[in-house]
């Protein structure tokens, strides 16, 4: 349930809300590995965002995913 709300936040019109949603889901991903594939799609969208802060948070999220679950990103490297 909370992940669904955070996913909705990543589609908000406010850039800081989008970045906050990505950052929070990333923090959850370090504790719950089932969220990692879901987060990769969100980060791909965030990397193409117009706002540089959202792009930065998305890139840091991908780095955190790689540190915790390198096998998840092996297809993209």
C-alpha atoms as a PDB file:
ATOM      1  CA  UNK A   1       0.000   0.000   0.000  1.00  0.00           C
ATOM      2  CA  UNK A   2       2.663   2.620   0.847  1.00  0.00           C
ATOM      3  CA  UNK A   3       4.634   1.689  -2.255  1.00  0.00           C
ATOM      4  CA  UNK A   4       1.601   2.460  -4.410  1.00  0.00           C
ATOM      5  CA  UNK A   5       1.326   5.927  -2.889  1.00  0.00           C
ATOM      6  CA  UNK A   6       5.035   6.536  -3.384  1.00  0.00           C
ATOM      7  CA  UNK A   7       4.720   5.401  -6.988  1.00  0.00           C
ATOM      8  CA  UNK A   8       1.947   7.958  -7.460  1.00  0.00           C
ATOM      9  CA  UNK A   9       4.264  10.596  -5.989  1.00  0.00           C
ATOM     10  CA  UNK A  10       6.793   9.871  -8.732  1.00  0.00           C
ATOM     11  CA  UNK A  11       4.210  11.104 -11.276  1.00  0.00           C
ATOM     12  CA  UNK A  12       3.426  14.331  -9.428  1.00  0.00           C
ATOM     13  CA  UNK A  13       3.658  17.710 -11.136  1.00  0.00           C
ATOM     14  CA  UNK A  14       5.961  18.974  -8.354  1.00  0.00           C
ATOM     15  CA  UNK A  15       9.627  18.019  -8.965  1.00  0.00           C
ATOM     16  CA  UNK A  16      10.496  17.832  -5.273  1.00  0.00           C
ATOM     17  CA  UNK A  17       7.612  15.406  -4.703  1.00  0.00           C
ATOM     18  CA  UNK A  18       8.821  13.238  -7.597  1.00  0.00           C
ATOM     19  CA  UNK A  19      12.356  13.222  -6.196  1.00  0.00           C
ATOM     20  CA  UNK A  20      11.115  12.486  -2.669  1.00  0.00           C
ATOM     21  CA  UNK A  21       9.084   9.520  -3.964  1.00  0.00           C
ATOM     22  CA  UNK A  22      12.083   8.057  -5.793  1.00  0.00           C
ATOM     23  CA  UNK A  23      14.366   8.568  -2.804  1.00  0.00           C
ATOM     24  CA  UNK A  24      11.926   6.958  -0.382  1.00  0.00           C
ATOM     25  CA  UNK A  25      11.308   3.936  -2.604  1.00  0.00           C
ATOM     26  CA  UNK A  26      15.087   3.554  -2.951  1.00  0.00           C
ATOM     27  CA  UNK A  27      15.491   3.512   0.821  1.00  0.00           C
ATOM     28  CA  UNK A  28      12.818   0.818   1.037  1.00  0.00           C
ATOM     29  CA  UNK A  29      14.582  -1.180  -1.665  1.00  0.00           C
ATOM     30  CA  UNK A  30      17.637  -1.658   0.538  1.00  0.00           C
ATOM     31  CA  UNK A  31      15.414  -3.528   3.032  1.00  0.00           C
ATOM     32  CA  UNK A  32      12.948  -5.237   0.659  1.00  0.00           C
ATOM     33  CA  UNK A  33      14.582  -6.710  -2.440  1.00  0.00           C
ATOM     34  CA  UNK A  34      11.255  -7.362  -4.218  1.00  0.00           C
ATOM     35  CA  UNK A  35      10.912  -3.636  -4.927  1.00  0.00           C
ATOM     36  CA  UNK A  36      14.163  -3.400  -6.934  1.00  0.00           C
ATOM     37  CA  UNK A  37      12.764  -4.381 -10.374  1.00  0.00           C
ATOM     38  CA  UNK A  38       9.872  -1.980  -9.854  1.00  0.00           C
ATOM     39  CA  UNK A  39      12.298   0.800  -8.913  1.00  0.00           C
ATOM     40  CA  UNK A  40      14.436   0.336 -12.016  1.00  0.00           C
ATOM     41  CA  UNK A  41      11.514   1.385 -14.248  1.00  0.00           C
ATOM     42  CA  UNK A  42      10.836   4.404 -12.045  1.00  0.00           C
ATOM     43  CA  UNK A  43      14.503   5.408 -12.199  1.00  0.00           C
ATOM     44  CA  UNK A  44      14.591   5.097 -15.985  1.00  0.00           C
ATOM     45  CA  UNK A  45      11.701   7.546 -16.144  1.00  0.00           C
ATOM     46  CA  UNK A  46      13.369   9.804 -13.573  1.00  0.00           C
ATOM     47  CA  UNK A  47      16.629   9.919 -15.515  1.00  0.00           C
ATOM     48  CA  UNK A  48      14.731  11.426 -18.452  1.00  0.00           C
ATOM     49  CA  UNK A  49      12.908  13.971 -16.283  1.00  0.00           C
ATOM     50  CA  UNK A  50      13.092  17.679 -17.146  1.00  0.00           C
ATOM     51  CA  UNK A  51      14.178  18.632 -13.639  1.00  0.00           C
ATOM     52  CA  UNK A  52      17.888  18.144 -12.853  1.00  0.00           C
ATOM     53  CA  UNK A  53      17.182  17.370  -9.178  1.00  0.00           C
ATOM     54  CA  UNK A  54      14.903  14.463 -10.137  1.00  0.00           C
ATOM     55  CA  UNK A  55      17.566  13.234 -12.551  1.00  0.00           C
ATOM     56  CA  UNK A  56      20.190  13.392  -9.804  1.00  0.00           C
ATOM     57  CA  UNK A  57      18.042  11.482  -7.318  1.00  0.00           C
ATOM     58  CA  UNK A  58      17.284   8.855  -9.982  1.00  0.00           C
ATOM     59  CA  UNK A  59      20.957   8.337 -10.750  1.00  0.00           C
ATOM     60  CA  UNK A  60      21.801   7.995  -7.065  1.00  0.00           C
ATOM     61  CA  UNK A  61      18.939   5.506  -6.761  1.00  0.00           C
ATOM     62  CA  UNK A  62      20.421   3.400  -9.561  1.00  0.00           C
ATOM     63  CA  UNK A  63      23.792   3.472  -7.805  1.00  0.00           C
ATOM     64  CA  UNK A  64      22.167   2.274  -4.572  1.00  0.00           C
ATOM     65  CA  UNK A  65      20.380  -0.525  -6.440  1.00  0.00           C
ATOM     66  CA  UNK A  66      23.665  -1.555  -8.002  1.00  0.00           C
ATOM     67  CA  UNK A  67      25.376  -1.615  -4.587  1.00  0.00           C
ATOM     68  CA  UNK A  68      22.644  -3.779  -3.028  1.00  0.00           C
ATOM     69  CA  UNK A  69      21.521  -5.874  -6.023  1.00  0.00           C
ATOM     70  CA  UNK A  70      24.113  -5.803  -8.858  1.00  0.00           C
ATOM     71  CA  UNK A  71      22.414  -8.721 -10.604  1.00  0.00           C
ATOM     72  CA  UNK A  72      19.326  -6.539 -11.195  1.00  0.00           C
ATOM     73  CA  UNK A  73      21.272  -4.115 -13.367  1.00  0.00           C
ATOM     74  CA  UNK A  74      23.477  -6.615 -15.200  1.00  0.00           C
ATOM     75  CA  UNK A  75      21.242  -6.349 -18.283  1.00  0.00           C
ATOM     76  CA  UNK A  76      21.737  -2.571 -18.445  1.00  0.00           C
ATOM     77  CA  UNK A  77      25.506  -2.453 -17.969  1.00  0.00           C
END
